[in-house]
Amino acid sequence: MKKHLEISAVLLVVLACLLSVMIISCGKKGDPVPRQQIKLQMIKNLRGEITKEGVLLSWTLPEKAKSNMMVKILRSVAIPGEDCPGCPQKFVLLTEKDEASLQSGMKEPGLYRYLDRDIDTGRTYGYRVVWCISKGTCSPESNTAEIKIK
């Protein structure tokens, strides 16, 4: 009979422990918190110049480049007589390149360049640049570099 009481006491203690764990684990723990997103700074010094080969774009990044960085170059084209003065420009993706293919070389570290060879005379081209460190983490669009080809 004594053993029977000891077993019953042990079972009651185990049951009490299980119930207390269940009671403690119930309820609202708190509001979910979204993951912190990295905010990249925009490129502010995009420049363009006309060369014999095409339009040469150059810029520097506002912060140290991360590995596996990608750069998206956007372009708009305005044809005199067909464009709408004062209307917003439509920028479309011209190309997407990795960081290494855009670096200008050892002489100017941190300077990036891209040559747009696909240009026609009599048009005005607008360029913007966006840099990304992952598919969903990109900077805002840069300033607009506008080039008129005569």
Protein backbone atom coordinates (compact mmCIF):
# COMPACT_ATOMS: atom_id res chain seq x y z
CA MET A 1 0.00 0.00 0.00
CA LYS A 2 2.90 2.33 0.76
CA LYS A 3 4.39 1.66 -2.70
CA HIS A 4 1.03 2.35 -4.27
CA LEU A 5 0.90 5.77 -2.55
CA GLU A 6 4.47 6.58 -3.62
CA ILE A 7 3.71 5.78 -7.26
CA SER A 8 0.53 7.88 -7.08
CA ALA A 9 2.47 10.81 -5.58
CA VAL A 10 5.12 10.60 -8.30
CA LEU A 11 2.45 10.51 -11.01
CA LEU A 12 0.70 13.54 -9.46
CA VAL A 13 3.99 15.50 -9.38
CA VAL A 14 4.73 14.61 -13.04
CA LEU A 15 1.18 15.55 -14.05
CA ALA A 16 1.43 18.85 -12.16
CA CYS A 17 4.74 19.64 -13.92
CA LEU A 18 3.26 18.91 -17.35
CA LEU A 19 0.20 21.04 -16.65
CA SER A 20 2.27 23.95 -15.39
CA VAL A 21 4.44 23.84 -18.55
CA MET A 22 1.32 23.88 -20.70
CA ILE A 23 -0.18 26.80 -18.80
CA ILE A 24 3.03 28.83 -18.94
CA SER A 25 3.46 28.24 -22.70
CA CYS A 26 -0.05 29.42 -23.60
CA GLY A 27 -0.82 33.00 -24.50
CA LYS A 28 0.50 35.74 -26.72
CA LYS A 29 4.27 36.15 -26.68
CA GLY A 30 4.38 39.48 -28.53
CA ASP A 31 3.90 40.99 -31.94
CA PRO A 32 6.03 39.55 -34.74
CA VAL A 33 8.94 41.79 -35.69
CA PRO A 34 9.96 41.99 -39.35
CA ARG A 35 13.57 41.34 -40.24
CA GLN A 36 15.75 44.41 -40.31
CA GLN A 37 16.32 45.42 -43.92
CA ILE A 38 19.56 46.99 -45.00
CA LYS A 39 18.99 50.38 -46.62
CA LEU A 40 21.55 51.15 -49.29
CA GLN A 41 22.41 54.74 -50.11
CA MET A 42 21.75 56.01 -53.61
CA ILE A 43 24.47 56.96 -56.07
CA LYS A 44 24.51 60.74 -56.33
CA ASN A 45 27.38 61.42 -58.71
CA LEU A 46 26.43 59.61 -61.94
CA ARG A 47 28.03 61.40 -64.89
CA GLY A 48 27.89 60.77 -68.61
CA GLU A 49 30.07 61.95 -71.46
CA ILE A 50 30.08 61.40 -75.20
CA THR A 51 33.10 59.53 -76.57
CA LYS A 52 33.95 58.14 -80.01
CA GLU A 53 32.70 54.70 -78.90
CA GLY A 54 29.43 55.82 -77.29
CA VAL A 55 28.22 57.27 -73.99
CA LEU A 56 30.60 56.66 -71.10
CA LEU A 57 28.93 56.58 -67.68
CA SER A 58 30.96 56.88 -64.48
CA TRP A 59 30.11 56.94 -60.76
CA THR A 60 31.32 55.98 -57.31
CA LEU A 61 29.43 54.12 -54.64
CA PRO A 62 28.34 56.05 -51.54
CA GLU A 63 29.55 53.24 -49.26
CA LYS A 64 31.94 50.31 -49.38
CA ALA A 65 30.85 47.70 -51.91
CA LYS A 66 29.85 44.31 -50.62
CA SER A 67 30.85 41.09 -52.32
CA ASN A 68 28.52 39.76 -55.03
CA MET A 69 27.23 43.24 -55.76
CA MET A 70 25.19 43.77 -58.92
CA VAL A 71 24.59 47.04 -60.76
CA LYS A 72 21.50 47.78 -62.84
CA ILE A 73 21.79 50.49 -65.49
CA LEU A 74 18.52 52.05 -66.61
CA ARG A 75 18.06 54.16 -69.74
CA SER A 76 15.39 56.37 -71.26
CA VAL A 77 15.38 57.55 -74.87
CA ALA A 78 13.73 60.75 -76.10
CA ILE A 79 13.36 61.50 -79.80
CA PRO A 80 12.83 65.17 -80.72
CA GLY A 81 9.27 65.73 -81.92
CA GLU A 82 8.06 62.46 -80.41
CA ASP A 83 8.80 63.18 -76.78
CA CYS A 84 6.50 64.96 -74.35
CA PRO A 85 8.15 67.96 -72.66
CA GLY A 86 7.48 67.87 -68.93
CA CYS A 87 6.23 64.27 -68.97
CA PRO A 88 7.98 61.74 -66.75
CA GLN A 89 10.66 59.72 -68.49
CA LYS A 90 10.24 55.97 -68.78
CA PHE A 91 13.46 54.23 -67.70
CA VAL A 92 13.96 50.61 -68.76
CA LEU A 93 16.67 48.16 -67.81
CA LEU A 94 19.61 48.52 -70.19
CA THR A 95 21.92 46.00 -68.53
CA GLU A 96 22.73 44.26 -65.27
CA LYS A 97 26.42 43.73 -64.50
CA ASP A 98 28.51 42.43 -61.62
CA GLU A 99 30.82 44.79 -59.77
CA ALA A 100 34.09 43.43 -61.19
CA SER A 101 33.11 44.04 -64.81
CA LEU A 102 32.43 47.74 -64.12
CA GLN A 103 35.51 48.73 -62.12
CA SER A 104 37.70 51.24 -63.91
CA GLY A 105 41.03 49.75 -62.82
CA MET A 106 43.87 50.33 -60.39
CA LYS A 107 44.35 54.05 -61.14
CA GLU A 108 40.99 55.07 -59.68
CA PRO A 109 39.80 52.58 -57.04
CA GLY A 110 36.11 52.84 -56.27
CA LEU A 111 35.25 54.35 -59.67
CA TYR A 112 32.86 52.39 -61.86
CA ARG A 113 32.29 52.82 -65.60
CA TYR A 114 29.99 51.55 -68.29
CA LEU A 115 30.09 52.29 -72.03
CA ASP A 116 26.76 52.38 -73.88
CA ARG A 117 27.60 51.74 -77.55
CA ASP A 118 23.99 51.42 -78.73
CA ILE A 119 23.20 55.09 -79.39
CA ASP A 120 21.80 57.05 -82.33
CA THR A 121 22.24 60.66 -83.37
CA GLY A 122 19.42 63.10 -82.80
CA ARG A 123 18.26 61.51 -79.54
CA THR A 124 18.49 62.38 -75.88
CA TYR A 125 19.43 59.62 -73.48
CA GLY A 126 18.82 59.60 -69.75
CA TYR A 127 20.66 57.16 -67.47
CA ARG A 128 20.18 56.05 -63.88
CA VAL A 129 22.05 53.45 -61.84
CA VAL A 130 20.89 51.16 -59.02
CA TRP A 131 23.19 48.87 -57.02
CA CYS A 132 22.06 45.73 -55.22
CA ILE A 133 23.64 43.35 -52.72
CA SER A 134 20.92 40.73 -53.08
CA LYS A 135 17.82 40.24 -55.21
CA GLY A 136 15.59 42.21 -52.86
CA THR A 137 18.06 44.70 -51.39
CA CYS A 138 18.74 47.54 -53.82
CA SER A 139 19.49 51.23 -53.52
CA PRO A 140 17.11 53.90 -54.79
CA GLU A 141 17.70 55.10 -58.37
CA SER A 142 20.63 57.48 -58.79
CA ASN A 143 20.58 61.00 -60.12
CA THR A 144 19.82 61.23 -63.86
CA ALA A 145 22.67 61.76 -66.31
CA GLU A 146 21.20 63.25 -69.50
CA ILE A 147 23.13 63.17 -72.78
CA LYS A 148 22.04 64.76 -76.08
CA ILE A 149 23.53 63.14 -79.16
CA LYS A 150 23.70 65.58 -82.08
